[in-house]
């Protein structure tokens, strides 16, 4: 059933690109483990051992705080349609804030989006597939535009204020490094 690989194959990449969402898991040395669903065409596979994903403004900022202390990350995709499969990538990740030397280059993979908060780069050291036989069938009916509209309604200055007041620390009090975006 489950298989492990050193890198993503073309078949793995095709599977990833066919999914409408993924999940990100991170944890600091102590405190809560965070698992977040992600969507909005925010992920790019740049090679067999490299993935980047664009993190939009949200109510929490756990991933950035966790990676500042412990740079482990797991990404997971699961199929909700005909093909039962789960795929996980494990590795070491870094957070790119807007002041990173390669921010513009990395953002170019997505286009500049209002509310873009961080970009995460995962260097993969293990890929694992498993059956997904218990995953229910679900039908994709479309992407939500709620976050895009929220960002447009707020505007850039209010988004930065939101980062300043709501995204500086994780729920366990770890700093997220968001001040790099505020300067």
C-alpha atoms as a PDB file:
ATOM      1  CA  UNK A   1       0.000   0.000   0.000  1.00  0.00           C
ATOM      2  CA  UNK A   2       2.261   2.822   1.201  1.00  0.00           C
ATOM      3  CA  UNK A   3       5.459   3.567  -0.733  1.00  0.00           C
ATOM      4  CA  UNK A   4       8.339   5.923  -0.078  1.00  0.00           C
ATOM      5  CA  UNK A   5      10.482   7.841  -2.559  1.00  0.00           C
ATOM      6  CA  UNK A   6      13.468  10.196  -2.411  1.00  0.00           C
ATOM      7  CA  UNK A   7      11.875  12.690  -4.807  1.00  0.00           C
ATOM      8  CA  UNK A   8       8.713  13.536  -6.707  1.00  0.00           C
ATOM      9  CA  UNK A   9       8.185  11.640  -9.938  1.00  0.00           C
ATOM     10  CA  UNK A  10       6.299  12.970 -12.947  1.00  0.00           C
ATOM     11  CA  UNK A  11       3.283  10.913 -11.799  1.00  0.00           C
ATOM     12  CA  UNK A  12       3.454  12.490  -8.323  1.00  0.00           C
ATOM     13  CA  UNK A  13       3.648  15.948  -9.865  1.00  0.00           C
ATOM     14  CA  UNK A  14       0.620  15.237 -12.069  1.00  0.00           C
ATOM     15  CA  UNK A  15      -1.314  14.038  -9.024  1.00  0.00           C
ATOM     16  CA  UNK A  16      -0.415  17.213  -7.088  1.00  0.00           C
ATOM     17  CA  UNK A  17      -1.395  19.468  -9.989  1.00  0.00           C
ATOM     18  CA  UNK A  18      -4.788  17.726 -10.290  1.00  0.00           C
ATOM     19  CA  UNK A  19      -5.764  18.475  -6.672  1.00  0.00           C
ATOM     20  CA  UNK A  20      -7.689  21.626  -5.744  1.00  0.00           C
ATOM     21  CA  UNK A  21      -6.326  21.854  -2.208  1.00  0.00           C
ATOM     22  CA  UNK A  22      -3.509  20.673   0.007  1.00  0.00           C
ATOM     23  CA  UNK A  23      -2.774  20.587   3.714  1.00  0.00           C
ATOM     24  CA  UNK A  24       0.297  21.987   5.479  1.00  0.00           C
ATOM     25  CA  UNK A  25       1.527  20.604   8.805  1.00  0.00           C
ATOM     26  CA  UNK A  26       4.143  22.259  11.035  1.00  0.00           C
ATOM     27  CA  UNK A  27       5.092  22.234  14.709  1.00  0.00           C
ATOM     28  CA  UNK A  28       7.543  24.022  16.952  1.00  0.00           C
ATOM     29  CA  UNK A  29       9.548  22.041  19.506  1.00  0.00           C
ATOM     30  CA  UNK A  30       6.745  22.622  22.035  1.00  0.00           C
ATOM     31  CA  UNK A  31       3.152  23.716  21.768  1.00  0.00           C
ATOM     32  CA  UNK A  32       0.440  22.942  19.289  1.00  0.00           C
ATOM     33  CA  UNK A  33       0.790  21.160  15.964  1.00  0.00           C
ATOM     34  CA  UNK A  34      -0.781  23.158  13.136  1.00  0.00           C
ATOM     35  CA  UNK A  35      -2.516  21.666  10.109  1.00  0.00           C
ATOM     36  CA  UNK A  36      -3.974  24.110   7.589  1.00  0.00           C
ATOM     37  CA  UNK A  37      -5.940  23.543   4.384  1.00  0.00           C
ATOM     38  CA  UNK A  38      -4.727  25.634   1.433  1.00  0.00           C
ATOM     39  CA  UNK A  39      -6.168  26.437  -1.978  1.00  0.00           C
ATOM     40  CA  UNK A  40      -6.361  29.385  -4.415  1.00  0.00           C
ATOM     41  CA  UNK A  41      -3.843  28.070  -6.969  1.00  0.00           C
ATOM     42  CA  UNK A  42      -1.081  28.836  -4.479  1.00  0.00           C
ATOM     43  CA  UNK A  43       1.423  25.995  -4.992  1.00  0.00           C
ATOM     44  CA  UNK A  44       4.159  25.351  -7.553  1.00  0.00           C
ATOM     45  CA  UNK A  45       6.375  22.286  -7.944  1.00  0.00           C
ATOM     46  CA  UNK A  46       9.757  23.667  -9.030  1.00  0.00           C
ATOM     47  CA  UNK A  47      11.594  20.366  -9.202  1.00  0.00           C
ATOM     48  CA  UNK A  48      11.666  16.805  -7.888  1.00  0.00           C
ATOM     49  CA  UNK A  49      12.728  18.004  -4.431  1.00  0.00           C
ATOM     50  CA  UNK A  50      11.407  21.561  -4.323  1.00  0.00           C
ATOM     51  CA  UNK A  51       7.962  23.094  -3.814  1.00  0.00           C
ATOM     52  CA  UNK A  52       6.981  26.689  -3.134  1.00  0.00           C
ATOM     53  CA  UNK A  53       3.611  27.946  -1.993  1.00  0.00           C
ATOM     54  CA  UNK A  54       2.149  31.379  -1.526  1.00  0.00           C
ATOM     55  CA  UNK A  55       0.635  32.095   1.877  1.00  0.00           C
ATOM     56  CA  UNK A  56      -2.166  34.618   1.862  1.00  0.00           C
ATOM     57  CA  UNK A  57      -3.269  36.739   4.820  1.00  0.00           C
ATOM     58  CA  UNK A  58      -5.253  34.739   7.322  1.00  0.00           C
ATOM     59  CA  UNK A  59      -6.463  34.765  10.883  1.00  0.00           C
ATOM     60  CA  UNK A  60      -3.413  32.871  12.134  1.00  0.00           C
ATOM     61  CA  UNK A  61       0.250  32.782  11.198  1.00  0.00           C
ATOM     62  CA  UNK A  62       1.329  29.491  12.751  1.00  0.00           C
ATOM     63  CA  UNK A  63       3.504  28.198   9.917  1.00  0.00           C
ATOM     64  CA  UNK A  64       5.864  31.192   9.989  1.00  0.00           C
ATOM     65  CA  UNK A  65       6.300  30.991  13.751  1.00  0.00           C
ATOM     66  CA  UNK A  66       6.908  27.256  13.718  1.00  0.00           C
ATOM     67  CA  UNK A  67       9.440  27.403  10.887  1.00  0.00           C
ATOM     68  CA  UNK A  68      11.398  30.176  12.611  1.00  0.00           C
ATOM     69  CA  UNK A  69      12.078  27.695  15.410  1.00  0.00           C
ATOM     70  CA  UNK A  70      11.881  24.284  13.740  1.00  0.00           C
ATOM     71  CA  UNK A  71      12.009  24.237   9.930  1.00  0.00           C
ATOM     72  CA  UNK A  72      10.109  20.953   9.434  1.00  0.00           C
ATOM     73  CA  UNK A  73       7.110  20.868   7.129  1.00  0.00           C
ATOM     74  CA  UNK A  74       4.773  18.229   5.741  1.00  0.00           C
ATOM     75  CA  UNK A  75       2.466  18.884   2.795  1.00  0.00           C
ATOM     76  CA  UNK A  76      -0.367  16.466   2.041  1.00  0.00           C
ATOM     77  CA  UNK A  77      -2.765  15.994  -0.855  1.00  0.00           C
ATOM     78  CA  UNK A  78      -5.613  13.533  -1.053  1.00  0.00           C
ATOM     79  CA  UNK A  79      -7.854  12.670  -3.930  1.00  0.00           C
ATOM     80  CA  UNK A  80     -11.577  13.117  -3.445  1.00  0.00           C
ATOM     81  CA  UNK A  81     -12.483  11.794  -6.882  1.00  0.00           C
ATOM     82  CA  UNK A  82     -12.001   8.497  -8.724  1.00  0.00           C
ATOM     83  CA  UNK A  83      -8.404   7.712  -7.835  1.00  0.00           C
ATOM     84  CA  UNK A  84      -7.945   6.892  -4.135  1.00  0.00           C
ATOM     85  CA  UNK A  85      -4.528   8.224  -3.131  1.00  0.00           C
ATOM     86  CA  UNK A  86      -2.799  10.258  -0.459  1.00  0.00           C
ATOM     87  CA  UNK A  87       0.574  11.875  -1.136  1.00  0.00           C
ATOM     88  CA  UNK A  88       2.796  13.520   1.477  1.00  0.00           C
ATOM     89  CA  UNK A  89       6.030  15.442   1.079  1.00  0.00           C
ATOM     90  CA  UNK A  90       8.325  15.831   4.080  1.00  0.00           C
ATOM     91  CA  UNK A  91      11.257  18.169   4.355  1.00  0.00           C
ATOM     92  CA  UNK A  92      12.869  21.359   5.511  1.00  0.00           C
ATOM     93  CA  UNK A  93      11.207  24.674   4.755  1.00  0.00           C
ATOM     94  CA  UNK A  94      12.054  28.327   4.890  1.00  0.00           C
ATOM     95  CA  UNK A  95       9.839  31.384   5.133  1.00  0.00           C
ATOM     96  CA  UNK A  96      10.299  34.191   2.641  1.00  0.00           C
ATOM     97  CA  UNK A  97       8.968  37.539   3.786  1.00  0.00           C
ATOM     98  CA  UNK A  98       8.684  40.539   1.489  1.00  0.00           C
ATOM     99  CA  UNK A  99      12.201  41.705   2.419  1.00  0.00           C
ATOM    100  CA  UNK A 100      13.817  38.447   1.184  1.00  0.00           C
ATOM    101  CA  UNK A 101      16.293  38.932  -1.658  1.00  0.00           C
ATOM    102  CA  UNK A 102      14.419  36.401  -3.811  1.00  0.00           C
ATOM    103  CA  UNK A 103      10.860  37.534  -2.916  1.00  0.00           C
ATOM    104  CA  UNK A 104      10.144  39.102  -6.329  1.00  0.00           C
ATOM    105  CA  UNK A 105      11.539  36.104  -8.203  1.00  0.00           C
ATOM    106  CA  UNK A 106       9.449  33.660  -6.169  1.00  0.00           C
ATOM    107  CA  UNK A 107       6.329  35.839  -6.304  1.00  0.00           C
ATOM    108  CA  UNK A 108       6.695  35.831 -10.090  1.00  0.00           C
ATOM    109  CA  UNK A 109       5.552  32.197 -10.059  1.00  0.00           C
ATOM    110  CA  UNK A 110       2.140  33.340  -8.771  1.00  0.00           C
ATOM    111  CA  UNK A 111       1.686  36.945  -9.856  1.00  0.00           C
ATOM    112  CA  UNK A 112       1.481  39.722  -7.307  1.00  0.00           C
ATOM    113  CA  UNK A 113      -1.633  39.173  -5.223  1.00  0.00           C
ATOM    114  CA  UNK A 114      -3.053  41.593  -2.718  1.00  0.00           C
ATOM    115  CA  UNK A 115      -2.708  39.989   0.704  1.00  0.00           C
ATOM    116  CA  UNK A 116       0.322  37.840  -0.194  1.00  0.00           C
ATOM    117  CA  UNK A 117       1.931  37.414   3.225  1.00  0.00           C
ATOM    118  CA  UNK A 118       4.761  34.895   2.854  1.00  0.00           C
ATOM    119  CA  UNK A 119       6.127  32.347   0.443  1.00  0.00           C
ATOM    120  CA  UNK A 120       7.284  29.008   1.781  1.00  0.00           C
ATOM    121  CA  UNK A 121       9.942  26.924   0.090  1.00  0.00           C
ATOM    122  CA  UNK A 122      10.009  23.221   0.938  1.00  0.00           C
ATOM    123  CA  UNK A 123      13.121  21.161   0.218  1.00  0.00           C
ATOM    124  CA  UNK A 124      11.799  17.602   0.077  1.00  0.00           C
ATOM    125  CA  UNK A 125      13.709  14.697   1.607  1.00  0.00           C
ATOM    126  CA  UNK A 126      10.891  12.116   1.547  1.00  0.00           C
ATOM    127  CA  UNK A 127       7.780  11.501  -0.544  1.00  0.00           C
ATOM    128  CA  UNK A 128       5.218   8.993   0.652  1.00  0.00           C
ATOM    129  CA  UNK A 129       2.102   7.681  -1.033  1.00  0.00           C
ATOM    130  CA  UNK A 130      -0.663   5.680   0.591  1.00  0.00           C
ATOM    131  CA  UNK A 131      -3.961   4.230  -0.539  1.00  0.00           C
ATOM    132  CA  UNK A 132      -6.604   6.759   0.439  1.00  0.00           C
ATOM    133  CA  UNK A 133      -9.246   4.026   0.362  1.00  0.00           C
ATOM    134  CA  UNK A 134     -11.205   5.622   3.215  1.00  0.00           C
ATOM    135  CA  UNK A 135     -11.266   9.152   1.748  1.00  0.00           C
ATOM    136  CA  UNK A 136     -14.835  10.094   0.758  1.00  0.00           C
ATOM    137  CA  UNK A 137     -15.863  11.149  -2.720  1.00  0.00           C
ATOM    138  CA  UNK A 138     -16.440  14.888  -2.951  1.00  0.00           C
ATOM    139  CA  UNK A 139     -17.254  17.046  -5.928  1.00  0.00           C
ATOM    140  CA  UNK A 140     -15.307  20.232  -6.652  1.00  0.00           C
ATOM    141  CA  UNK A 141     -17.751  22.977  -7.591  1.00  0.00           C
ATOM    142  CA  UNK A 142     -15.418  25.974  -7.647  1.00  0.00           C
ATOM    143  CA  UNK A 143     -12.948  28.135  -5.780  1.00  0.00           C
ATOM    144  CA  UNK A 144     -14.114  30.558  -3.118  1.00  0.00           C
ATOM    145  CA  UNK A 145     -13.453  34.232  -3.788  1.00  0.00           C
ATOM    146  CA  UNK A 146     -14.119  35.291  -0.182  1.00  0.00           C
ATOM    147  CA  UNK A 147     -10.469  35.949   0.743  1.00  0.00           C
ATOM    148  CA  UNK A 148      -9.812  37.832  -2.489  1.00  0.00           C
ATOM    149  CA  UNK A 149     -12.845  40.066  -1.868  1.00  0.00           C
ATOM    150  CA  UNK A 150     -11.805  40.535   1.796  1.00  0.00           C
ATOM    151  CA  UNK A 151      -8.344  41.691   0.670  1.00  0.00           C
ATOM    152  CA  UNK A 152      -9.823  44.054  -1.926  1.00  0.00           C
ATOM    153  CA  UNK A 153     -12.248  45.534   0.614  1.00  0.00           C
ATOM    154  CA  UNK A 154      -9.450  46.092   3.149  1.00  0.00           C
ATOM    155  CA  UNK A 155      -6.754  47.428   0.819  1.00  0.00           C
ATOM    156  CA  UNK A 156      -3.002  47.190   1.296  1.00  0.00           C
ATOM    157  CA  UNK A 157      -2.674  49.596   4.255  1.00  0.00           C
ATOM    158  CA  UNK A 158      -5.411  47.855   6.268  1.00  0.00           C
ATOM    159  CA  UNK A 159      -3.909  44.439   5.465  1.00  0.00           C
ATOM    160  CA  UNK A 160      -0.571  45.595   6.885  1.00  0.00           C
ATOM    161  CA  UNK A 161      -2.392  46.836   9.997  1.00  0.00           C
ATOM    162  CA  UNK A 162      -4.024  43.408  10.265  1.00  0.00           C
ATOM    163  CA  UNK A 163      -0.609  41.722  10.055  1.00  0.00           C
ATOM    164  CA  UNK A 164       0.649  44.080  12.749  1.00  0.00           C
ATOM    165  CA  UNK A 165      -2.227  43.456  15.166  1.00  0.00           C
ATOM    166  CA  UNK A 166      -3.207  39.832  14.378  1.00  0.00           C
ATOM    167  CA  UNK A 167      -0.235  38.015  12.801  1.00  0.00           C
ATOM    168  CA  UNK A 168       2.820  38.841  14.954  1.00  0.00           C
ATOM    169  CA  UNK A 169       2.633  35.758  17.196  1.00  0.00           C
ATOM    170  CA  UNK A 170       1.410  32.186  16.977  1.00  0.00           C
ATOM    171  CA  UNK A 171      -1.315  30.966  19.302  1.00  0.00           C
ATOM    172  CA  UNK A 172       1.498  29.672  21.542  1.00  0.00           C
ATOM    173  CA  UNK A 173       3.212  33.099  21.567  1.00  0.00           C
ATOM    174  CA  UNK A 174       6.050  32.437  19.114  1.00  0.00           C
ATOM    175  CA  UNK A 175       7.125  35.388  16.939  1.00  0.00           C
ATOM    176  CA  UNK A 176       6.203  34.982  13.261  1.00  0.00           C
ATOM    177  CA  UNK A 177       8.658  37.440  11.710  1.00  0.00           C
ATOM    178  CA  UNK A 178       5.814  39.386  10.068  1.00  0.00           C
ATOM    179  CA  UNK A 179       7.510  42.658  11.051  1.00  0.00           C
ATOM    180  CA  UNK A 180       9.733  42.082   7.983  1.00  0.00           C
ATOM    181  CA  UNK A 181       6.627  42.913   5.905  1.00  0.00           C
ATOM    182  CA  UNK A 182       5.763  46.038   7.873  1.00  0.00           C
ATOM    183  CA  UNK A 183       8.914  48.118   7.363  1.00  0.00           C
END
